[in-house]
N, C-alpha and C. Protein backbone atom coordinates (compact mmCIF):
# COMPACT_ATOMS: atom_id res chain seq x y z
N UNK A 1 -31.95 -1.02 32.43
CA UNK A 1 -32.09 -2.44 32.46
C UNK A 1 -33.38 -2.79 31.72
N UNK A 2 -33.30 -3.64 30.71
CA UNK A 2 -34.46 -4.02 29.93
C UNK A 2 -35.13 -5.24 30.53
N UNK A 3 -36.26 -5.60 29.95
CA UNK A 3 -36.98 -6.77 30.42
C UNK A 3 -37.09 -7.79 29.31
N UNK A 4 -36.96 -9.02 29.66
CA UNK A 4 -37.08 -10.12 28.73
C UNK A 4 -38.33 -10.90 29.10
N UNK A 5 -39.23 -11.08 28.14
CA UNK A 5 -40.47 -11.79 28.42
C UNK A 5 -40.36 -13.23 27.97
N UNK A 6 -40.89 -14.14 28.81
CA UNK A 6 -40.87 -15.55 28.43
C UNK A 6 -42.17 -16.18 28.88
N UNK A 7 -42.60 -17.20 28.18
CA UNK A 7 -43.82 -17.93 28.52
C UNK A 7 -43.45 -19.16 29.30
N UNK A 8 -44.14 -19.37 30.38
CA UNK A 8 -43.94 -20.57 31.16
C UNK A 8 -45.22 -21.37 31.16
N UNK A 9 -45.24 -22.49 31.90
CA UNK A 9 -46.40 -23.36 31.87
C UNK A 9 -47.65 -22.63 32.32
N UNK A 10 -48.78 -22.95 31.68
CA UNK A 10 -50.07 -22.38 32.00
C UNK A 10 -50.27 -20.99 31.45
N UNK A 11 -49.55 -20.61 30.43
CA UNK A 11 -49.68 -19.30 29.78
C UNK A 11 -49.46 -18.14 30.74
N UNK A 12 -48.61 -18.30 31.71
CA UNK A 12 -48.28 -17.22 32.62
C UNK A 12 -47.07 -16.49 32.04
N UNK A 13 -47.20 -15.19 31.85
CA UNK A 13 -46.14 -14.38 31.26
C UNK A 13 -45.27 -13.84 32.37
N UNK A 14 -43.98 -14.16 32.33
CA UNK A 14 -43.06 -13.66 33.34
C UNK A 14 -42.01 -12.79 32.69
N UNK A 15 -41.44 -11.92 33.47
CA UNK A 15 -40.38 -11.05 32.95
C UNK A 15 -39.13 -11.26 33.78
N UNK A 16 -37.99 -11.32 33.08
CA UNK A 16 -36.71 -11.42 33.77
C UNK A 16 -35.84 -10.27 33.30
N UNK A 17 -35.10 -9.67 34.20
CA UNK A 17 -34.28 -8.52 33.79
C UNK A 17 -33.11 -8.95 32.91
N UNK A 18 -32.84 -8.15 31.88
CA UNK A 18 -31.67 -8.34 31.02
C UNK A 18 -30.54 -7.52 31.63
N UNK A 19 -29.38 -8.10 31.81
CA UNK A 19 -28.30 -7.35 32.47
C UNK A 19 -27.85 -6.17 31.63
N UNK A 20 -27.57 -5.07 32.31
CA UNK A 20 -27.06 -3.89 31.61
C UNK A 20 -25.55 -3.98 31.52
N UNK A 21 -24.92 -3.01 30.86
CA UNK A 21 -23.46 -3.05 30.68
C UNK A 21 -22.73 -2.74 31.97
N UNK A 22 -23.39 -2.08 32.94
CA UNK A 22 -22.75 -1.74 34.20
C UNK A 22 -23.07 -2.85 35.21
N UNK A 23 -22.35 -3.94 35.12
CA UNK A 23 -22.55 -5.05 36.05
C UNK A 23 -21.30 -5.21 36.88
N UNK A 24 -21.48 -5.60 38.14
CA UNK A 24 -20.33 -5.83 38.99
C UNK A 24 -20.13 -7.32 39.20
N UNK A 25 -19.15 -7.69 40.00
CA UNK A 25 -18.79 -9.09 40.18
C UNK A 25 -19.91 -9.90 40.82
N UNK A 26 -20.66 -9.30 41.75
CA UNK A 26 -21.75 -10.03 42.41
C UNK A 26 -22.87 -10.35 41.42
N UNK A 27 -23.17 -9.40 40.51
CA UNK A 27 -24.21 -9.65 39.51
C UNK A 27 -23.79 -10.75 38.54
N UNK A 28 -22.53 -10.78 38.16
CA UNK A 28 -22.05 -11.78 37.22
C UNK A 28 -22.14 -13.17 37.82
N UNK A 29 -21.87 -13.30 39.12
CA UNK A 29 -21.96 -14.60 39.76
C UNK A 29 -23.39 -15.11 39.82
N UNK A 30 -24.37 -14.20 39.89
CA UNK A 30 -25.77 -14.63 40.01
C UNK A 30 -26.44 -14.85 38.66
N UNK A 31 -25.79 -14.51 37.55
CA UNK A 31 -26.39 -14.67 36.22
C UNK A 31 -26.30 -16.11 35.76
N UNK A 32 -27.26 -16.50 34.93
CA UNK A 32 -27.17 -17.83 34.34
C UNK A 32 -26.37 -17.73 33.03
N UNK A 33 -26.15 -18.85 32.38
CA UNK A 33 -25.29 -18.90 31.19
C UNK A 33 -25.87 -18.08 30.04
N UNK A 34 -27.19 -18.11 29.88
CA UNK A 34 -27.81 -17.37 28.77
C UNK A 34 -27.62 -15.87 28.95
N UNK A 35 -27.76 -15.39 30.18
CA UNK A 35 -27.59 -13.96 30.44
C UNK A 35 -26.14 -13.54 30.23
N UNK A 36 -25.20 -14.42 30.59
CA UNK A 36 -23.79 -14.11 30.37
C UNK A 36 -23.47 -14.02 28.89
N UNK A 37 -24.02 -14.94 28.10
CA UNK A 37 -23.80 -14.88 26.65
C UNK A 37 -24.39 -13.61 26.06
N UNK A 38 -25.57 -13.21 26.54
CA UNK A 38 -26.20 -11.99 26.06
C UNK A 38 -25.35 -10.78 26.41
N UNK A 39 -24.79 -10.77 27.59
CA UNK A 39 -23.93 -9.67 28.00
C UNK A 39 -22.67 -9.61 27.13
N UNK A 40 -22.09 -10.76 26.79
CA UNK A 40 -20.92 -10.78 25.92
C UNK A 40 -21.24 -10.28 24.53
N UNK A 41 -22.41 -10.61 24.03
CA UNK A 41 -22.81 -10.15 22.70
C UNK A 41 -23.00 -8.65 22.69
N UNK A 42 -23.57 -8.10 23.76
CA UNK A 42 -23.78 -6.64 23.83
C UNK A 42 -22.46 -5.89 23.91
N UNK A 43 -21.46 -6.49 24.55
CA UNK A 43 -20.17 -5.83 24.69
C UNK A 43 -19.24 -6.03 23.50
N UNK A 44 -19.65 -6.79 22.49
CA UNK A 44 -18.81 -7.08 21.34
C UNK A 44 -18.58 -5.80 20.53
N UNK A 45 -17.33 -5.53 20.14
CA UNK A 45 -17.06 -4.31 19.37
C UNK A 45 -17.68 -4.40 17.98
N UNK A 46 -18.06 -3.25 17.47
CA UNK A 46 -18.66 -3.17 16.14
C UNK A 46 -17.59 -3.25 15.08
N UNK A 47 -17.89 -3.92 13.98
CA UNK A 47 -16.92 -4.05 12.89
C UNK A 47 -17.00 -2.81 11.99
N UNK A 48 -15.87 -2.43 11.46
CA UNK A 48 -15.81 -1.29 10.54
C UNK A 48 -16.36 -1.70 9.18
N UNK A 49 -16.86 -0.71 8.46
CA UNK A 49 -17.38 -0.96 7.12
C UNK A 49 -16.22 -1.32 6.20
N UNK A 50 -16.40 -2.35 5.40
CA UNK A 50 -15.33 -2.76 4.49
C UNK A 50 -15.29 -1.82 3.29
N UNK A 51 -14.11 -1.73 2.72
CA UNK A 51 -13.86 -0.83 1.60
C UNK A 51 -14.39 -1.45 0.31
N UNK A 52 -15.11 -0.68 -0.51
CA UNK A 52 -15.61 -1.20 -1.78
C UNK A 52 -14.47 -1.25 -2.80
N UNK A 53 -14.73 -1.94 -3.91
CA UNK A 53 -13.71 -2.07 -4.95
C UNK A 53 -13.34 -0.70 -5.52
N UNK A 54 -14.35 0.14 -5.78
CA UNK A 54 -14.09 1.47 -6.34
C UNK A 54 -13.26 2.33 -5.39
N UNK A 55 -13.58 2.28 -4.10
CA UNK A 55 -12.82 3.06 -3.12
C UNK A 55 -11.37 2.58 -3.03
N UNK A 56 -11.18 1.27 -3.05
CA UNK A 56 -9.83 0.72 -2.97
C UNK A 56 -9.03 1.08 -4.23
N UNK A 57 -9.68 0.99 -5.40
CA UNK A 57 -9.01 1.32 -6.65
C UNK A 57 -8.56 2.78 -6.65
N UNK A 58 -9.44 3.67 -6.23
CA UNK A 58 -9.10 5.10 -6.19
C UNK A 58 -7.98 5.35 -5.19
N UNK A 59 -8.03 4.70 -4.02
CA UNK A 59 -7.00 4.88 -3.00
C UNK A 59 -5.64 4.38 -3.50
N UNK A 60 -5.62 3.21 -4.14
CA UNK A 60 -4.36 2.66 -4.64
C UNK A 60 -3.79 3.52 -5.77
N UNK A 61 -4.65 4.00 -6.67
CA UNK A 61 -4.16 4.84 -7.76
C UNK A 61 -3.63 6.16 -7.22
N UNK A 62 -4.20 6.66 -6.14
CA UNK A 62 -3.72 7.91 -5.54
C UNK A 62 -2.39 7.70 -4.83
N UNK A 63 -2.23 6.56 -4.15
CA UNK A 63 -1.00 6.31 -3.41
C UNK A 63 0.15 5.91 -4.33
N UNK A 64 -0.12 5.16 -5.37
CA UNK A 64 0.92 4.63 -6.25
C UNK A 64 0.56 4.90 -7.72
N UNK A 65 0.69 6.14 -8.17
CA UNK A 65 0.21 6.48 -9.52
C UNK A 65 1.08 5.94 -10.65
N UNK A 66 2.32 5.56 -10.39
CA UNK A 66 3.19 5.09 -11.47
C UNK A 66 2.86 3.67 -11.93
N UNK A 67 2.23 2.88 -11.09
CA UNK A 67 1.91 1.50 -11.47
C UNK A 67 0.84 1.46 -12.56
N UNK A 68 -0.29 2.17 -12.44
CA UNK A 68 -1.24 2.14 -13.55
C UNK A 68 -0.70 2.76 -14.83
N UNK A 69 0.17 3.77 -14.68
CA UNK A 69 0.78 4.38 -15.87
C UNK A 69 1.67 3.35 -16.57
N UNK A 70 2.44 2.59 -15.80
CA UNK A 70 3.28 1.54 -16.38
C UNK A 70 2.46 0.44 -17.04
N UNK A 71 1.34 0.08 -16.42
CA UNK A 71 0.47 -0.95 -17.01
C UNK A 71 -0.12 -0.47 -18.34
N UNK A 72 -0.56 0.79 -18.37
CA UNK A 72 -1.11 1.32 -19.62
C UNK A 72 -0.04 1.42 -20.71
N UNK A 73 1.17 1.78 -20.33
CA UNK A 73 2.28 1.83 -21.29
C UNK A 73 2.57 0.45 -21.86
N UNK A 74 2.57 -0.55 -20.99
CA UNK A 74 2.80 -1.93 -21.43
C UNK A 74 1.71 -2.38 -22.41
N UNK A 75 0.46 -2.07 -22.08
CA UNK A 75 -0.65 -2.44 -22.97
C UNK A 75 -0.54 -1.73 -24.31
N UNK A 76 -0.12 -0.45 -24.30
CA UNK A 76 0.03 0.27 -25.55
C UNK A 76 1.09 -0.39 -26.44
N UNK A 77 2.26 -0.70 -25.87
CA UNK A 77 3.32 -1.33 -26.67
C UNK A 77 2.90 -2.72 -27.16
N UNK A 78 2.16 -3.46 -26.34
CA UNK A 78 1.69 -4.78 -26.77
C UNK A 78 0.71 -4.66 -27.93
N UNK A 79 -0.27 -3.75 -27.80
CA UNK A 79 -1.26 -3.58 -28.88
C UNK A 79 -0.61 -3.07 -30.15
N UNK A 80 0.33 -2.14 -30.00
CA UNK A 80 1.01 -1.61 -31.18
C UNK A 80 1.87 -2.69 -31.85
N UNK A 81 2.51 -3.53 -31.06
CA UNK A 81 3.32 -4.61 -31.61
C UNK A 81 2.47 -5.65 -32.33
N UNK A 82 1.32 -6.00 -31.77
CA UNK A 82 0.42 -6.96 -32.43
C UNK A 82 -0.13 -6.36 -33.72
N UNK A 83 -0.46 -5.06 -33.67
CA UNK A 83 -0.95 -4.39 -34.88
C UNK A 83 0.12 -4.38 -35.97
N UNK A 84 1.36 -4.13 -35.62
CA UNK A 84 2.45 -4.15 -36.59
C UNK A 84 2.67 -5.56 -37.14
N UNK A 85 2.48 -6.57 -36.32
CA UNK A 85 2.63 -7.95 -36.76
C UNK A 85 1.57 -8.29 -37.82
N UNK A 86 0.34 -7.81 -37.61
CA UNK A 86 -0.72 -8.08 -38.58
C UNK A 86 -0.49 -7.33 -39.89
N UNK A 87 0.18 -6.18 -39.81
CA UNK A 87 0.46 -5.41 -41.02
C UNK A 87 1.74 -5.86 -41.70
N UNK A 88 2.36 -6.93 -41.21
CA UNK A 88 3.57 -7.53 -41.77
C UNK A 88 4.77 -6.58 -41.71
N UNK A 89 4.80 -5.71 -40.68
CA UNK A 89 5.95 -4.83 -40.47
C UNK A 89 6.79 -5.44 -39.34
N UNK A 90 7.71 -6.33 -39.74
CA UNK A 90 8.45 -7.12 -38.77
C UNK A 90 9.37 -6.26 -37.90
N UNK A 91 9.99 -5.26 -38.50
CA UNK A 91 10.94 -4.43 -37.74
C UNK A 91 10.23 -3.65 -36.64
N UNK A 92 9.09 -3.03 -37.00
CA UNK A 92 8.32 -2.27 -35.99
C UNK A 92 7.73 -3.20 -34.95
N UNK A 93 7.26 -4.36 -35.35
CA UNK A 93 6.70 -5.32 -34.41
C UNK A 93 7.76 -5.76 -33.40
N UNK A 94 8.96 -6.05 -33.88
CA UNK A 94 10.05 -6.45 -32.99
C UNK A 94 10.41 -5.33 -32.02
N UNK A 95 10.44 -4.09 -32.53
CA UNK A 95 10.77 -2.94 -31.70
C UNK A 95 9.71 -2.75 -30.60
N UNK A 96 8.44 -2.87 -30.96
CA UNK A 96 7.36 -2.70 -30.00
C UNK A 96 7.38 -3.80 -28.92
N UNK A 97 7.72 -5.00 -29.31
CA UNK A 97 7.78 -6.09 -28.32
C UNK A 97 8.95 -5.89 -27.36
N UNK A 98 10.05 -5.35 -27.86
CA UNK A 98 11.17 -5.05 -26.98
C UNK A 98 10.83 -3.91 -26.02
N UNK A 99 10.12 -2.92 -26.52
CA UNK A 99 9.67 -1.82 -25.67
C UNK A 99 8.66 -2.31 -24.63
N UNK A 100 7.83 -3.27 -25.02
CA UNK A 100 6.86 -3.85 -24.10
C UNK A 100 7.58 -4.53 -22.93
N UNK A 101 8.63 -5.29 -23.26
CA UNK A 101 9.39 -5.96 -22.19
C UNK A 101 10.04 -4.92 -21.28
N UNK A 102 10.55 -3.84 -21.86
CA UNK A 102 11.14 -2.77 -21.05
C UNK A 102 10.10 -2.10 -20.15
N UNK A 103 8.90 -1.87 -20.70
CA UNK A 103 7.84 -1.26 -19.90
C UNK A 103 7.40 -2.19 -18.77
N UNK A 104 7.35 -3.48 -19.06
CA UNK A 104 7.01 -4.45 -18.01
C UNK A 104 8.06 -4.44 -16.90
N UNK A 105 9.31 -4.41 -17.29
CA UNK A 105 10.40 -4.39 -16.31
C UNK A 105 10.34 -3.12 -15.46
N UNK A 106 10.11 -1.99 -16.11
CA UNK A 106 10.02 -0.72 -15.37
C UNK A 106 8.84 -0.74 -14.40
N UNK A 107 7.71 -1.29 -14.83
CA UNK A 107 6.53 -1.36 -13.97
C UNK A 107 6.80 -2.25 -12.76
N UNK A 108 7.46 -3.36 -12.97
CA UNK A 108 7.77 -4.26 -11.85
C UNK A 108 8.76 -3.59 -10.90
N UNK A 109 9.73 -2.86 -11.42
CA UNK A 109 10.69 -2.17 -10.56
C UNK A 109 10.00 -1.06 -9.75
N UNK A 110 9.05 -0.37 -10.35
CA UNK A 110 8.28 0.64 -9.62
C UNK A 110 7.46 -0.02 -8.52
N UNK A 111 6.86 -1.16 -8.84
CA UNK A 111 6.07 -1.91 -7.86
C UNK A 111 6.94 -2.33 -6.68
N UNK A 112 8.14 -2.85 -6.96
CA UNK A 112 9.07 -3.26 -5.91
C UNK A 112 9.52 -2.03 -5.11
N UNK A 113 9.72 -0.92 -5.79
CA UNK A 113 10.11 0.31 -5.10
C UNK A 113 9.04 0.79 -4.13
N UNK A 114 7.78 0.78 -4.57
CA UNK A 114 6.69 1.17 -3.67
C UNK A 114 6.60 0.21 -2.49
N UNK A 115 6.75 -1.08 -2.75
CA UNK A 115 6.69 -2.07 -1.66
C UNK A 115 7.84 -1.84 -0.68
N UNK A 116 9.01 -1.52 -1.19
CA UNK A 116 10.14 -1.24 -0.32
C UNK A 116 9.96 0.02 0.50
N UNK A 117 9.40 1.05 -0.11
CA UNK A 117 9.15 2.29 0.62
C UNK A 117 8.15 2.07 1.76
N UNK A 118 7.16 1.23 1.53
CA UNK A 118 6.14 0.98 2.55
C UNK A 118 6.64 0.05 3.64
N UNK A 119 7.66 -0.76 3.35
CA UNK A 119 8.12 -1.76 4.30
C UNK A 119 9.27 -1.27 5.16
N UNK A 120 10.26 -0.65 4.55
CA UNK A 120 11.47 -0.30 5.27
C UNK A 120 11.41 1.12 5.80
N UNK A 121 11.99 1.32 6.98
CA UNK A 121 12.11 2.63 7.58
C UNK A 121 13.46 3.19 7.20
N UNK A 122 13.47 4.29 6.49
CA UNK A 122 14.73 4.84 5.98
C UNK A 122 15.35 5.87 6.93
N UNK A 123 14.86 5.95 8.17
CA UNK A 123 15.45 6.87 9.13
C UNK A 123 16.71 6.23 9.71
N UNK A 124 17.83 6.90 9.52
CA UNK A 124 19.08 6.37 10.03
C UNK A 124 19.24 6.66 11.53
N UNK A 125 18.60 7.73 11.98
CA UNK A 125 18.63 8.08 13.40
C UNK A 125 17.20 8.33 13.86
N UNK A 126 16.43 7.28 14.11
CA UNK A 126 15.05 7.49 14.52
C UNK A 126 14.97 8.21 15.86
N UNK A 127 13.98 9.04 16.00
CA UNK A 127 13.71 9.83 17.21
C UNK A 127 14.77 10.89 17.50
N UNK A 128 15.67 11.14 16.55
CA UNK A 128 16.71 12.15 16.76
C UNK A 128 16.07 13.54 16.89
N UNK A 129 15.16 13.88 16.00
CA UNK A 129 14.50 15.18 16.05
C UNK A 129 13.68 15.33 17.32
N UNK A 130 13.04 14.25 17.74
CA UNK A 130 12.24 14.27 18.95
C UNK A 130 13.13 14.56 20.18
N UNK A 131 14.31 13.92 20.22
CA UNK A 131 15.23 14.14 21.34
C UNK A 131 15.76 15.57 21.32
N UNK A 132 16.00 16.13 20.12
CA UNK A 132 16.48 17.50 20.03
C UNK A 132 15.44 18.46 20.58
N UNK A 133 14.18 18.23 20.26
CA UNK A 133 13.11 19.12 20.74
C UNK A 133 12.94 18.99 22.25
N UNK A 134 13.08 17.79 22.78
CA UNK A 134 12.93 17.59 24.21
C UNK A 134 14.05 18.27 24.98
N UNK A 135 15.24 18.31 24.42
CA UNK A 135 16.38 18.94 25.08
C UNK A 135 16.39 20.44 24.90
N UNK A 136 15.54 20.97 24.04
CA UNK A 136 15.48 22.40 23.81
C UNK A 136 16.48 22.90 22.81
N UNK A 137 17.09 22.01 22.04
CA UNK A 137 18.08 22.39 21.05
C UNK A 137 17.50 22.55 19.66
N UNK A 138 16.17 22.52 19.53
CA UNK A 138 15.55 22.59 18.21
C UNK A 138 15.71 24.00 17.65
N UNK A 139 15.90 24.07 16.35
CA UNK A 139 16.11 25.36 15.71
C UNK A 139 14.80 25.96 15.30
């Protein structure tokens, strides 16, 4: 139990006990509002450290590696198509732009596939293996 110091009239220094975490119902009834708020603050759970941008980027690239590959492929076809346009090679420019659209479509389909894998449970018989092990029929 700690002590809280406060100044009262006439420069007399008084100490009042700060409630500890092990308080019972009788102690709570005798506390004033400030002590109750202090007790609530002490019992507040600690927040977890937030993830930095670099950590999140590395985690996402590790979990879903096809999305950055698709983005880089799209950028390559776009840059190559613009370069062909500047060189007045219309056939190659048109081909690169069509490939760019295909790469964009493939990237979006991969993105939707990852989202679907994370959302839906593909187990047709959930807990089947667990029930087999509990019954002693596991191989």
